[in-house]
Structure formats: C-alpha cells, structure tokens
N, C-alpha and C. Protein backbone atom coordinates (compact mmCIF):
# COMPACT_ATOMS: atom_id res chain seq x y z
N UNK A 1 -6.99 30.85 5.49
CA UNK A 1 -5.82 30.76 6.19
C UNK A 1 -5.17 31.87 6.68
N UNK A 2 -5.27 32.79 6.28
CA UNK A 2 -4.85 34.35 6.74
C UNK A 2 -5.51 34.71 8.03
N UNK A 3 -7.01 34.42 8.10
CA UNK A 3 -7.29 34.87 9.46
C UNK A 3 -7.02 33.84 10.43
N UNK A 4 -6.09 32.51 10.28
CA UNK A 4 -5.88 31.84 11.24
C UNK A 4 -4.32 32.34 11.82
N UNK A 5 -3.75 32.87 10.89
CA UNK A 5 -2.16 33.33 11.04
C UNK A 5 -2.31 34.60 11.80
N UNK A 6 -1.62 35.32 12.48
CA UNK A 6 -1.70 36.47 12.90
C UNK A 6 -0.82 37.26 12.10
N UNK A 7 -1.36 38.66 11.72
CA UNK A 7 -0.82 39.57 10.74
C UNK A 7 0.84 39.79 11.32
N UNK A 8 0.98 40.06 12.40
CA UNK A 8 2.41 40.39 13.05
C UNK A 8 3.41 39.05 12.59
N UNK A 9 2.65 38.19 12.75
CA UNK A 9 3.85 36.78 12.47
C UNK A 9 3.86 36.93 11.07
N UNK A 10 3.20 37.10 10.10
CA UNK A 10 3.54 37.07 8.77
C UNK A 10 4.33 38.07 8.30
N UNK A 11 4.42 39.24 8.76
CA UNK A 11 5.03 40.58 8.54
C UNK A 11 6.50 40.35 9.48
N UNK A 12 6.74 40.12 10.23
CA UNK A 12 7.81 39.80 10.99
C UNK A 12 8.75 38.55 11.16
N UNK A 13 8.10 37.58 10.47
CA UNK A 13 8.80 36.47 10.50
C UNK A 13 9.81 36.25 9.24
N UNK A 14 11.03 35.65 9.56
CA UNK A 14 11.50 35.56 8.55
C UNK A 14 11.39 34.00 8.11
N UNK A 15 10.61 33.03 8.34
CA UNK A 15 10.01 31.81 7.93
C UNK A 15 9.39 31.90 6.72
N UNK A 16 9.88 31.08 5.56
CA UNK A 16 8.97 31.26 4.45
C UNK A 16 7.35 31.13 4.76
N UNK A 17 6.56 31.73 3.73
CA UNK A 17 5.22 31.34 3.99
C UNK A 17 4.65 30.24 4.05
N UNK A 18 5.02 29.62 3.07
CA UNK A 18 4.93 27.90 3.18
C UNK A 18 5.30 27.17 4.04
N UNK A 19 6.18 27.44 4.71
CA UNK A 19 6.64 26.64 6.32
C UNK A 19 5.35 27.04 7.12
N UNK A 20 5.07 28.00 7.21
CA UNK A 20 4.14 28.81 8.30
C UNK A 20 2.83 28.10 7.94
N UNK A 21 2.56 27.94 6.68
CA UNK A 21 1.09 27.46 6.27
C UNK A 21 1.18 25.80 6.76
N UNK A 22 2.17 25.35 6.36
CA UNK A 22 1.97 23.80 6.70
C UNK A 22 2.42 23.39 7.96
N UNK A 23 3.11 24.06 8.95
CA UNK A 23 3.06 23.98 10.23
C UNK A 23 1.71 24.19 10.86
N UNK A 24 1.03 25.30 10.26
CA UNK A 24 -0.28 25.92 10.92
C UNK A 24 -1.12 24.59 10.61
N UNK A 25 -1.22 24.16 9.43
CA UNK A 25 -2.42 22.83 9.10
C UNK A 25 -2.04 21.63 9.97
N UNK A 26 -0.77 21.56 10.25
CA UNK A 26 -0.18 20.27 10.79
C UNK A 26 -0.78 20.32 12.21
N UNK A 27 -0.41 21.69 12.71
CA UNK A 27 -1.18 21.71 14.20
C UNK A 27 -2.58 21.72 14.33
N UNK A 28 -3.23 22.42 13.28
CA UNK A 28 -4.80 22.16 13.27
C UNK A 28 -5.09 20.71 13.11
N UNK A 29 -4.67 19.95 12.24
CA UNK A 29 -4.88 18.49 12.25
C UNK A 29 -4.55 17.76 13.85
N UNK A 30 -3.76 17.84 14.00
CA UNK A 30 -3.08 17.19 15.43
C UNK A 30 -4.05 17.44 16.40
N UNK A 31 -4.67 18.82 16.76
CA UNK A 31 -5.45 19.29 17.80
C UNK A 31 -6.52 18.80 17.62
N UNK A 32 -7.26 18.78 16.45
CA UNK A 32 -8.54 17.97 16.08
C UNK A 32 -8.57 16.62 16.51
N UNK A 33 -7.32 15.65 15.90
CA UNK A 33 -7.39 14.37 16.17
C UNK A 33 -7.42 14.25 17.78
N UNK A 34 -6.72 15.01 18.61
CA UNK A 34 -6.31 14.79 20.15
C UNK A 34 -7.80 14.64 20.93
N UNK A 35 -8.46 15.92 20.64
CA UNK A 35 -9.95 16.10 20.94
C UNK A 35 -10.93 15.13 20.76
N UNK A 36 -10.73 14.43 19.53
CA UNK A 36 -11.88 13.40 19.56
C UNK A 36 -12.02 12.38 20.40
N UNK A 37 -13.13 12.05 20.91
CA UNK A 37 -13.13 10.83 21.87
C UNK A 37 -13.47 9.73 21.09
N UNK A 38 -12.34 8.82 21.56
CA UNK A 38 -12.70 7.66 20.89
C UNK A 38 -13.43 6.46 21.78
N UNK A 39 -14.56 6.12 20.91
CA UNK A 39 -15.73 5.29 21.86
C UNK A 39 -15.55 4.08 21.38
N UNK A 40 -15.49 3.04 22.50
CA UNK A 40 -15.01 1.74 22.25
C UNK A 40 -16.58 0.98 21.50
N UNK A 41 -16.57 0.88 20.44
CA UNK A 41 -17.60 -0.19 19.66
C UNK A 41 -17.52 -1.40 19.71
N UNK A 42 -18.49 -2.33 19.83
CA UNK A 42 -18.41 -3.55 19.89
C UNK A 42 -18.23 -3.97 18.44
N UNK A 43 -17.40 -4.93 18.12
CA UNK A 43 -17.41 -5.64 16.87
C UNK A 43 -18.61 -6.09 16.36
N UNK A 44 -19.12 -5.69 14.73
CA UNK A 44 -20.21 -6.26 14.39
C UNK A 44 -19.94 -7.89 13.94
N UNK A 45 -21.29 -8.64 14.46
CA UNK A 45 -21.24 -9.93 13.98
C UNK A 45 -21.14 -10.02 12.44
N UNK A 46 -20.40 -10.97 11.97
CA UNK A 46 -20.39 -11.36 10.56
C UNK A 46 -21.84 -11.73 10.20
N UNK A 47 -21.99 -11.48 8.98
CA UNK A 47 -23.34 -11.94 8.25
C UNK A 47 -23.11 -12.39 6.97
N UNK A 48 -24.06 -12.87 6.29
CA UNK A 48 -23.82 -13.73 5.05
C UNK A 48 -22.92 -14.63 4.81
N UNK A 49 -22.13 -14.72 3.78
CA UNK A 49 -21.29 -15.67 3.56
C UNK A 49 -20.04 -15.77 4.82
N UNK A 50 -19.87 -14.54 5.23
CA UNK A 50 -18.57 -14.42 6.37
C UNK A 50 -19.27 -15.26 7.52
N UNK A 51 -20.27 -15.21 7.99
CA UNK A 51 -20.98 -15.88 8.89
C UNK A 51 -20.96 -17.37 8.59
N UNK A 52 -21.14 -17.88 7.73
CA UNK A 52 -21.18 -19.25 7.32
C UNK A 52 -19.66 -19.77 7.38
N UNK A 53 -18.81 -18.90 6.63
CA UNK A 53 -17.54 -19.33 7.01
C UNK A 53 -16.89 -19.17 8.01
N UNK A 54 -17.39 -18.47 9.21
CA UNK A 54 -16.69 -18.48 10.55
C UNK A 54 -17.74 -19.72 11.46
N UNK A 55 -18.82 -20.16 10.84
CA UNK A 55 -19.45 -21.47 11.81
C UNK A 55 -18.80 -22.63 11.09
N UNK A 56 -18.75 -22.68 9.70
CA UNK A 56 -18.42 -23.99 9.03
C UNK A 56 -16.87 -23.89 8.52
N UNK A 57 -16.32 -23.03 8.85
CA UNK A 57 -15.09 -23.10 7.83
C UNK A 57 -15.13 -22.85 6.44
N UNK A 58 -13.83 -23.33 5.78
CA UNK A 58 -14.05 -22.62 4.22
C UNK A 58 -14.73 -23.70 3.37
N UNK A 59 -15.41 -24.77 4.19
CA UNK A 59 -16.11 -25.74 3.36
C UNK A 59 -17.54 -24.92 3.03
N UNK A 60 -18.04 -23.88 3.66
CA UNK A 60 -19.20 -23.18 3.23
C UNK A 60 -18.98 -22.01 1.69
N UNK A 61 -17.47 -21.72 1.97
CA UNK A 61 -17.11 -21.27 0.65
C UNK A 61 -17.12 -21.90 -0.58
N UNK A 62 -16.67 -23.06 -0.37
CA UNK A 62 -16.79 -24.22 -1.32
C UNK A 62 -18.21 -24.55 -1.83
N UNK A 63 -18.99 -24.62 -1.12
CA UNK A 63 -20.49 -24.60 -1.37
C UNK A 63 -21.02 -23.68 -2.12
N UNK A 64 -20.46 -22.37 -1.66
CA UNK A 64 -21.15 -21.33 -2.22
C UNK A 64 -20.70 -21.15 -3.81
N UNK A 65 -19.12 -21.39 -3.96
CA UNK A 65 -18.65 -21.66 -5.14
C UNK A 65 -19.23 -22.65 -6.15
N UNK A 66 -19.57 -23.69 -5.57
CA UNK A 66 -19.97 -24.83 -6.46
C UNK A 66 -21.34 -24.22 -6.75
N UNK A 67 -22.01 -23.59 -5.96
CA UNK A 67 -23.56 -23.18 -6.61
C UNK A 67 -23.60 -22.18 -7.41
N UNK A 68 -22.45 -21.38 -7.19
CA UNK A 68 -22.13 -20.08 -8.51
C UNK A 68 -21.70 -21.07 -9.81
N UNK A 69 -20.87 -21.91 -9.78
CA UNK A 69 -20.42 -22.82 -10.88
C UNK A 69 -21.72 -23.25 -11.62
N UNK A 70 -22.73 -23.39 -10.91
CA UNK A 70 -23.85 -24.12 -11.77
C UNK A 70 -24.97 -23.13 -12.13
N UNK A 71 -24.83 -21.86 -11.32
CA UNK A 71 -25.73 -20.86 -11.52
C UNK A 71 -25.35 -19.95 -13.02
N UNK A 72 -24.16 -19.59 -13.20
CA UNK A 72 -23.49 -18.93 -14.03
C UNK A 72 -23.89 -19.59 -15.33
N UNK A 73 -23.77 -20.76 -15.73
CA UNK A 73 -23.91 -21.50 -16.94
C UNK A 73 -25.55 -21.27 -17.53
N UNK A 74 -26.08 -21.80 -16.23
CA UNK A 74 -27.38 -21.73 -16.24
C UNK A 74 -27.92 -20.24 -17.20
N UNK A 75 -27.36 -19.09 -16.03
CA UNK A 75 -27.78 -17.79 -16.69
C UNK A 75 -27.46 -17.50 -18.19
N UNK A 76 -26.18 -18.13 -18.22
CA UNK A 76 -25.84 -17.82 -19.75
C UNK A 76 -26.50 -18.54 -20.75
N UNK A 77 -27.23 -19.55 -20.58
CA UNK A 77 -27.71 -20.32 -21.36
C UNK A 77 -29.55 -19.91 -21.48
N UNK A 78 -29.84 -19.21 -20.55
CA UNK A 78 -31.10 -18.42 -20.43
C UNK A 78 -30.95 -17.19 -21.28
N UNK A 79 -29.89 -16.61 -21.41
CA UNK A 79 -29.76 -15.34 -22.04
C UNK A 79 -29.35 -15.69 -23.62
N UNK A 80 -28.81 -16.68 -23.69
CA UNK A 80 -28.10 -17.23 -25.02
C UNK A 80 -29.59 -17.40 -25.86
N UNK A 81 -30.59 -18.24 -25.29
CA UNK A 81 -31.82 -18.72 -25.89
C UNK A 81 -32.62 -17.43 -26.21
N UNK A 82 -32.30 -16.55 -25.83
CA UNK A 82 -33.30 -15.38 -26.40
C UNK A 82 -32.84 -15.40 -27.81
N UNK A 83 -31.63 -15.58 -28.29
CA UNK A 83 -31.45 -15.51 -29.53
C UNK A 83 -30.44 -14.28 -30.17
N UNK A 84 -29.85 -14.54 -31.04
CA UNK A 84 -28.71 -13.63 -31.17
C UNK A 84 -29.11 -12.32 -31.75
N UNK A 85 -30.18 -12.38 -32.69
CA UNK A 85 -30.74 -10.97 -33.41
C UNK A 85 -31.17 -10.20 -32.02
N UNK A 86 -31.73 -10.81 -31.23
CA UNK A 86 -32.56 -10.19 -30.09
C UNK A 86 -31.50 -9.44 -29.25
N UNK A 87 -30.35 -10.13 -29.01
CA UNK A 87 -29.26 -9.96 -28.31
C UNK A 87 -28.65 -8.56 -29.16
N UNK A 88 -28.25 -8.93 -30.29
CA UNK A 88 -27.48 -7.92 -31.14
C UNK A 88 -28.52 -6.36 -30.97
N UNK A 89 -29.95 -6.63 -31.23
CA UNK A 89 -30.66 -5.32 -31.05
C UNK A 89 -30.48 -4.59 -29.85
N UNK A 90 -30.77 -5.54 -28.84
CA UNK A 90 -30.35 -4.69 -27.71
C UNK A 90 -29.18 -4.03 -27.33
N UNK A 91 -28.03 -4.95 -27.89
CA UNK A 91 -26.79 -4.17 -27.92
C UNK A 91 -26.59 -2.83 -28.48
N UNK A 92 -27.28 -2.93 -29.94
CA UNK A 92 -27.23 -1.74 -30.79
C UNK A 92 -28.01 -0.54 -29.97
N UNK A 93 -29.25 -0.81 -29.12
CA UNK A 93 -29.65 0.19 -28.72
C UNK A 93 -28.98 0.96 -27.64
N UNK A 94 -28.28 -0.16 -26.70
CA UNK A 94 -27.66 0.29 -25.49
C UNK A 94 -26.30 1.23 -26.36
N UNK A 95 -25.76 0.87 -27.16
CA UNK A 95 -24.63 1.76 -27.90
C UNK A 95 -25.07 3.04 -28.51
N UNK A 96 -26.25 2.75 -29.06
CA UNK A 96 -26.76 4.09 -29.61
C UNK A 96 -27.03 5.03 -28.62
N UNK A 97 -27.70 4.76 -27.52
CA UNK A 97 -28.31 5.36 -26.41
C UNK A 97 -26.90 5.82 -25.54
N UNK A 98 -25.92 5.55 -25.29
CA UNK A 98 -24.84 6.14 -24.90
C UNK A 98 -23.76 6.69 -26.11
N UNK A 99 -24.30 6.86 -27.19
CA UNK A 99 -23.74 7.78 -28.41
C UNK A 99 -22.69 7.06 -29.12
N UNK A 100 -22.58 5.47 -29.16
CA UNK A 100 -21.41 4.98 -29.91
C UNK A 100 -22.22 4.65 -31.47
N UNK A 101 -21.66 4.91 -32.36
CA UNK A 101 -22.27 4.35 -33.59
C UNK A 101 -22.01 2.59 -33.79
N UNK A 102 -23.20 2.04 -33.92
CA UNK A 102 -23.29 0.58 -33.92
C UNK A 102 -22.78 -0.19 -35.20
N UNK A 103 -22.73 -1.32 -35.09
CA UNK A 103 -22.19 -2.22 -36.35
C UNK A 103 -23.32 -2.19 -37.53
N UNK A 104 -24.32 -1.99 -36.91
CA UNK A 104 -25.44 -2.38 -37.87
C UNK A 104 -25.94 -1.16 -38.77
N UNK A 105 -25.39 -0.07 -37.97
CA UNK A 105 -25.62 1.26 -38.84
C UNK A 105 -24.40 1.18 -39.69
N UNK A 106 -23.10 1.11 -39.37
CA UNK A 106 -22.00 0.90 -40.15
C UNK A 106 -22.32 0.16 -41.61
N UNK A 107 -23.19 -1.16 -41.15
CA UNK A 107 -23.13 -2.06 -42.28
C UNK A 107 -24.40 -1.61 -43.34
N UNK A 108 -25.37 -0.90 -42.96
CA UNK A 108 -26.51 0.10 -43.60
C UNK A 108 -25.86 0.91 -44.34
N UNK A 109 -24.74 1.88 -43.78
CA UNK A 109 -24.18 2.81 -44.82
C UNK A 109 -23.44 2.26 -45.63
N UNK A 110 -22.48 1.08 -45.47
CA UNK A 110 -21.82 0.40 -46.54
C UNK A 110 -22.72 -0.28 -47.65
N UNK A 111 -23.90 -0.60 -47.14
CA UNK A 111 -24.60 -1.11 -48.18
C UNK A 111 -25.14 -0.25 -49.01
N UNK A 112 -25.37 0.95 -48.69
CA UNK A 112 -25.84 2.22 -49.41
C UNK A 112 -24.55 2.57 -50.46
N UNK A 113 -23.33 2.62 -49.73
CA UNK A 113 -22.22 3.04 -50.66
C UNK A 113 -21.76 2.15 -51.47
N UNK A 114 -21.80 0.87 -51.42
CA UNK A 114 -21.44 -0.51 -52.10
C UNK A 114 -22.57 -1.27 -52.29
N UNK A 115 -23.47 -0.90 -53.05
CA UNK A 115 -24.71 -1.70 -53.42
C UNK A 115 -24.15 -3.07 -54.03
N UNK A 116 -23.07 -3.01 -54.80
CA UNK A 116 -22.84 -4.45 -55.47
C UNK A 116 -21.97 -5.22 -54.81
N UNK A 117 -21.81 -5.20 -53.53
CA UNK A 117 -21.03 -5.89 -52.56
C UNK A 117 -21.90 -7.26 -52.26
N UNK A 118 -21.19 -8.32 -52.09
CA UNK A 118 -21.71 -9.49 -51.81
C UNK A 118 -22.30 -9.44 -50.16
N UNK A 119 -23.15 -10.47 -49.84
CA UNK A 119 -23.72 -10.45 -48.54
C UNK A 119 -22.94 -11.27 -47.61
N UNK A 120 -22.01 -11.84 -47.98
CA UNK A 120 -21.08 -12.84 -47.22
C UNK A 120 -20.07 -11.71 -46.77
N UNK A 121 -19.52 -10.65 -47.06
CA UNK A 121 -18.63 -9.75 -46.79
C UNK A 121 -19.43 -8.94 -45.88
N UNK A 122 -20.59 -8.69 -45.80
CA UNK A 122 -21.23 -8.04 -44.60
C UNK A 122 -21.46 -8.41 -43.56
N UNK A 123 -22.03 -9.95 -43.70
CA UNK A 123 -21.93 -10.90 -42.39
C UNK A 123 -20.72 -10.76 -41.81
N UNK A 124 -19.17 -10.41 -42.30
CA UNK A 124 -18.20 -10.39 -41.07
C UNK A 124 -18.16 -9.55 -40.84
N UNK A 125 -18.77 -8.24 -41.11
CA UNK A 125 -18.90 -7.00 -40.37
C UNK A 125 -19.69 -7.12 -39.11
N UNK A 126 -20.33 -8.02 -38.97
CA UNK A 126 -21.21 -7.88 -38.06
C UNK A 126 -20.54 -8.31 -36.82
N UNK A 127 -20.82 -7.85 -35.52
CA UNK A 127 -20.19 -8.30 -34.28
C UNK A 127 -20.48 -9.25 -33.60
N UNK A 128 -19.67 -9.81 -32.82
CA UNK A 128 -19.86 -11.20 -32.09
C UNK A 128 -20.74 -10.51 -30.93
N UNK A 129 -21.87 -11.53 -30.59
CA UNK A 129 -22.58 -11.19 -29.22
C UNK A 129 -22.41 -11.84 -27.91
N UNK A 130 -21.00 -12.61 -28.11
CA UNK A 130 -20.74 -13.44 -26.87
C UNK A 130 -20.56 -12.90 -25.53
N UNK A 131 -19.35 -11.85 -25.92
CA UNK A 131 -19.34 -10.68 -24.89
C UNK A 131 -20.55 -10.06 -24.01
N UNK A 132 -21.75 -9.63 -24.99
CA UNK A 132 -22.80 -8.95 -24.59
C UNK A 132 -23.60 -10.32 -23.69
N UNK A 133 -23.58 -11.16 -24.16
CA UNK A 133 -24.43 -12.45 -23.57
C UNK A 133 -24.05 -12.98 -22.15
N UNK A 134 -22.46 -12.76 -22.46
CA UNK A 134 -22.00 -13.18 -21.03
C UNK A 134 -21.99 -12.07 -20.04
N UNK A 135 -21.99 -10.89 -20.52
CA UNK A 135 -22.12 -9.33 -19.27
C UNK A 135 -23.40 -9.64 -19.11
N UNK A 136 -24.53 -9.93 -19.72
CA UNK A 136 -25.90 -10.08 -19.03
C UNK A 136 -26.28 -11.18 -18.26
N UNK A 137 -25.56 -12.21 -18.32
CA UNK A 137 -25.59 -13.55 -17.87
C UNK A 137 -24.99 -13.05 -16.54
N UNK A 138 -23.71 -12.33 -16.60
CA UNK A 138 -23.05 -12.30 -15.31
C UNK A 138 -23.92 -11.60 -14.39
N UNK A 139 -24.34 -10.28 -14.99
CA UNK A 139 -25.34 -9.44 -14.43
C UNK A 139 -26.57 -10.13 -13.55
N UNK A 140 -27.18 -10.91 -14.34
CA UNK A 140 -28.17 -11.94 -13.78
C UNK A 140 -27.71 -12.73 -12.85
N UNK A 141 -26.57 -13.24 -12.74
CA UNK A 141 -25.93 -14.25 -12.09
C UNK A 141 -25.88 -13.38 -10.66
N UNK A 142 -25.04 -12.28 -10.72
CA UNK A 142 -24.94 -11.57 -9.42
C UNK A 142 -26.14 -10.98 -8.92
N UNK A 143 -27.17 -10.78 -9.80
CA UNK A 143 -28.45 -10.19 -9.14
C UNK A 143 -29.37 -11.45 -8.45
N UNK A 144 -28.79 -12.51 -8.71
CA UNK A 144 -29.34 -13.71 -7.83
C UNK A 144 -28.48 -14.07 -6.79
N UNK A 145 -27.93 -13.36 -6.10
CA UNK A 145 -27.08 -13.64 -4.76
C UNK A 145 -28.34 -13.75 -3.61
N UNK A 146 -29.48 -13.18 -3.75
CA UNK A 146 -30.22 -13.43 -2.63
C UNK A 146 -30.97 -14.74 -2.63
N UNK A 147 -30.67 -15.53 -3.81
CA UNK A 147 -31.34 -17.28 -3.85
C UNK A 147 -30.15 -18.14 -3.66
N UNK A 148 -29.02 -17.73 -3.98
CA UNK A 148 -27.81 -18.64 -3.60
C UNK A 148 -27.49 -18.40 -2.14
N UNK A 149 -27.21 -17.33 -1.47
CA UNK A 149 -26.91 -17.46 -0.15
C UNK A 149 -27.72 -18.35 0.92
N UNK A 150 -29.15 -18.14 0.54
CA UNK A 150 -29.79 -19.04 1.50
C UNK A 150 -30.06 -20.57 1.25
N UNK A 151 -29.78 -20.88 -0.09
CA UNK A 151 -29.57 -22.13 -0.60
C UNK A 151 -28.05 -22.81 0.07
N UNK A 152 -27.30 -21.85 0.06
CA UNK A 152 -25.71 -22.13 0.50
C UNK A 152 -25.97 -22.27 2.40
N UNK A 153 -26.65 -21.68 2.55
CA UNK A 153 -26.96 -21.63 4.19
C UNK A 153 -27.55 -23.16 4.71
N UNK A 154 -28.69 -23.46 3.67
CA UNK A 154 -29.19 -24.52 4.19
C UNK A 154 -28.55 -26.13 3.51
N UNK A 155 -27.56 -26.02 2.61
CA UNK A 155 -27.05 -27.37 2.28
C UNK A 155 -25.70 -27.52 2.99
N UNK A 156 -24.87 -26.30 3.40
CA UNK A 156 -23.76 -26.23 4.23
C UNK A 156 -23.77 -27.35 5.00
N UNK A 157 -24.50 -27.18 6.30
CA UNK A 157 -24.42 -28.11 7.62
C UNK A 157 -24.49 -29.58 6.75
N UNK A 158 -25.67 -29.84 5.83
CA UNK A 158 -25.60 -31.15 5.49
C UNK A 158 -24.09 -31.78 5.01
N UNK A 159 -23.61 -30.68 3.94
CA UNK A 159 -22.38 -31.22 3.39
C UNK A 159 -21.29 -31.40 4.22
N UNK A 160 -21.22 -30.42 5.29
CA UNK A 160 -20.04 -30.58 6.27
C UNK A 160 -20.25 -32.05 7.17
N UNK A 161 -21.29 -32.15 7.41
CA UNK A 161 -21.70 -33.42 8.31
C UNK A 161 -21.15 -34.81 7.25
N UNK A 162 -21.70 -34.52 6.15
CA UNK A 162 -21.73 -35.80 5.20
C UNK A 162 -20.01 -35.92 4.93
N UNK A 163 -19.19 -34.93 5.03
CA UNK A 163 -17.68 -35.06 4.54
C UNK A 163 -17.07 -35.42 5.95
N UNK A 164 -17.53 -34.89 7.08
CA UNK A 164 -17.13 -35.56 8.20
C UNK A 164 -17.11 -36.96 8.66
N UNK A 165 -18.16 -37.32 8.24
CA UNK A 165 -18.41 -38.97 8.39
C UNK A 165 -17.61 -39.38 7.25
N UNK A 166 -17.18 -39.11 5.99
CA UNK A 166 -16.18 -39.73 5.01
C UNK A 166 -14.94 -39.76 5.76
N UNK A 167 -14.56 -38.80 6.69
CA UNK A 167 -13.19 -38.87 7.21
C UNK A 167 -12.56 -37.44 7.01
N UNK A 168 -13.02 -36.39 6.47
CA UNK A 168 -12.24 -35.19 6.42
C UNK A 168 -12.54 -34.47 7.85
N UNK A 169 -11.37 -33.72 7.98
CA UNK A 169 -11.57 -32.81 9.08
C UNK A 169 -11.73 -31.43 8.78
N UNK A 170 -13.26 -30.88 8.61
CA UNK A 170 -13.25 -30.19 8.08
C UNK A 170 -14.31 -29.19 9.02
N UNK A 171 -14.62 -27.83 8.85
CA UNK A 171 -15.59 -27.20 9.84
C UNK A 171 -15.00 -26.73 10.55
N UNK A 172 -15.30 -26.03 11.82
CA UNK A 172 -14.86 -25.19 12.99
C UNK A 172 -14.55 -26.26 14.04
N UNK A 173 -13.14 -25.82 14.20
CA UNK A 173 -12.34 -26.82 15.55
C UNK A 173 -12.51 -25.78 16.62
N UNK A 174 -12.30 -26.54 17.47
CA UNK A 174 -12.10 -25.72 19.16
C UNK A 174 -10.64 -25.53 19.06
N UNK A 175 -10.18 -25.03 20.01
CA UNK A 175 -9.04 -24.95 20.55
C UNK A 175 -7.98 -25.86 20.76
N UNK A 176 -8.76 -27.01 21.54
CA UNK A 176 -8.22 -28.45 22.03
C UNK A 176 -7.88 -29.10 20.78
N UNK A 177 -8.33 -29.02 19.66
CA UNK A 177 -7.95 -29.74 18.46
C UNK A 177 -6.99 -29.28 17.72
N UNK A 178 -6.80 -27.74 17.81
CA UNK A 178 -5.71 -27.02 17.13
C UNK A 178 -4.50 -27.29 18.12
N UNK A 179 -4.59 -27.66 19.30
CA UNK A 179 -3.24 -27.69 20.32
C UNK A 179 -2.86 -29.39 19.85
N UNK A 180 -4.01 -29.83 19.86
CA UNK A 180 -3.45 -31.38 19.50
C UNK A 180 -2.62 -31.50 18.07
N UNK A 181 -3.26 -30.49 17.22
CA UNK A 181 -2.75 -30.74 15.65
C UNK A 181 -1.24 -30.20 15.64
N UNK A 182 -1.04 -29.10 16.47
CA UNK A 182 0.17 -28.07 16.61
C UNK A 182 1.16 -29.25 17.29
N UNK A 183 0.84 -30.11 18.42
CA UNK A 183 1.83 -30.63 19.17
C UNK A 183 1.85 -31.91 18.02
N UNK A 184 1.20 -32.82 17.01
CA UNK A 184 1.47 -33.52 16.20
C UNK A 184 2.44 -32.88 15.30
N UNK A 185 2.05 -31.58 14.93
CA UNK A 185 3.19 -31.20 13.68
C UNK A 185 4.64 -31.10 14.45
N UNK A 186 4.52 -30.61 15.72
CA UNK A 186 5.96 -30.16 16.11
C UNK A 186 6.85 -31.81 16.17
N UNK A 187 6.18 -32.80 16.36
CA UNK A 187 6.64 -34.23 16.79
C UNK A 187 7.02 -34.78 15.19
N UNK A 188 6.62 -34.57 14.14
CA UNK A 188 6.51 -34.93 12.99
C UNK A 188 7.92 -34.59 12.38
N UNK A 189 8.74 -35.15 12.05
CA UNK A 189 9.84 -35.14 11.37
C UNK A 189 9.88 -36.13 9.77
N UNK A 190 9.95 -35.00 9.02
CA UNK A 190 10.17 -35.85 7.74
C UNK A 190 11.07 -36.70 7.20
N UNK A 191 12.35 -36.62 7.88
CA UNK A 191 13.54 -37.27 7.62
C UNK A 191 13.72 -38.76 8.21
N UNK A 192 12.73 -38.72 8.95
CA UNK A 192 12.39 -39.97 9.64
C UNK A 192 13.09 -40.53 10.80
N UNK A 193 14.16 -39.41 11.31
CA UNK A 193 14.91 -39.39 12.27
C UNK A 193 14.37 -39.08 13.77
N UNK A 194 14.53 -39.26 14.53
CA UNK A 194 13.76 -38.92 16.02
C UNK A 194 14.57 -37.58 16.27
N UNK A 195 14.09 -36.74 16.63
CA UNK A 195 14.63 -35.54 17.20
C UNK A 195 14.12 -35.05 18.30
N UNK A 196 15.18 -34.63 19.37
CA UNK A 196 15.00 -33.93 20.21
C UNK A 196 14.77 -32.65 20.87
N UNK A 197 13.53 -31.99 20.96
CA UNK A 197 13.41 -30.54 21.04
C UNK A 197 13.42 -30.33 22.47
C-alpha cells in the first residue's frame, strides 16, 4: 500500500491515513472497472429441465416431480431391503471413520460394565436407522437424475398433448393467445355489472 501512495503525501497530509487508504482503494477499483471491456455474449440456451419448461410450460416440471415421487420411495424400499443390521453396520463404520463413538460401541461398553442388565434395556439404546436409510435412498435418488430427465423428456410431449385434448390449456402459448387472454381478463367483471373502460 505504501508503494502506491507517495511518501510526500503521507508526511505532509493532514488527512488521516485510513481515509487516504480508502480513497486510494476506491480509485483503484473504479479505474480497473472502467478499463475492462464488456463483450456482448449471447445468452446460453437452456438445457435439461429448464429447456423442457421453456418448451412445454410447467407441465414438464409436473411430470418430472411426478417421476421423482415414484422414484424416491422405490429407492427407499431398495435400501430398506438391505436389512436393518447391514444399515446399522454401515452407519457405525461411517461414524467410526469420522471419529464419532458409535452406539454399538457404547452398548458393548455398557454390557461389560453392567453384566447383570437385561437385554431389553440394551435394545432401547440402539439407534434407529430410518434417517440413515432415508439419506442413502435420497443420495441414490439424486444420482439417478440421468435416468429421470430423459424419461421426462420422452413422456412430457405425450402428457401435454393428452391434457390439451382433455381441454386443459397448458403448454407454451404464443403472443396471440396471451393477448386474447389479457383482453378477456380486462372485460371480466366479477360483480356482474357492466363496466365502461
């Protein structure tokens, strides 16, 4: 910082040093911002679910979320079918890997200390594996996005066409349809009285 400011300015100035430094920093940032050349880059074309929403409206998002609502429980059932003991073993391995004392280690220590205790009380000390199962199922579900998105892209046109045949006005509308809808909304009077605009 001292190399930027002149020594004579520092010595002869009655302005506090903090103000000099702040003014100098502001001037440096302003000059660097004005020196940069702004190039006009064309906007990137949307990809993935954004492209589908742009093309078919929010019905594509509905199809995607519908597939997700089917996929997540299936992933949970697959993880749950591994068995509670296997999940607890994996959970304990993970906790010991990051340095936490696991529940099974605590139970083993309690058994050594209290040999006369009944097994029913030891069972209460075991942790539930529901959150671990759900976390693993959710991670599996998120990793399957590369399957859900192409299925969504394949199903959405059919779903939109089917819903349009049923009478729903969904999908991408042109500007003419929007103008007609706006004019109808302007003419609509919920009180039933005619209004002069």
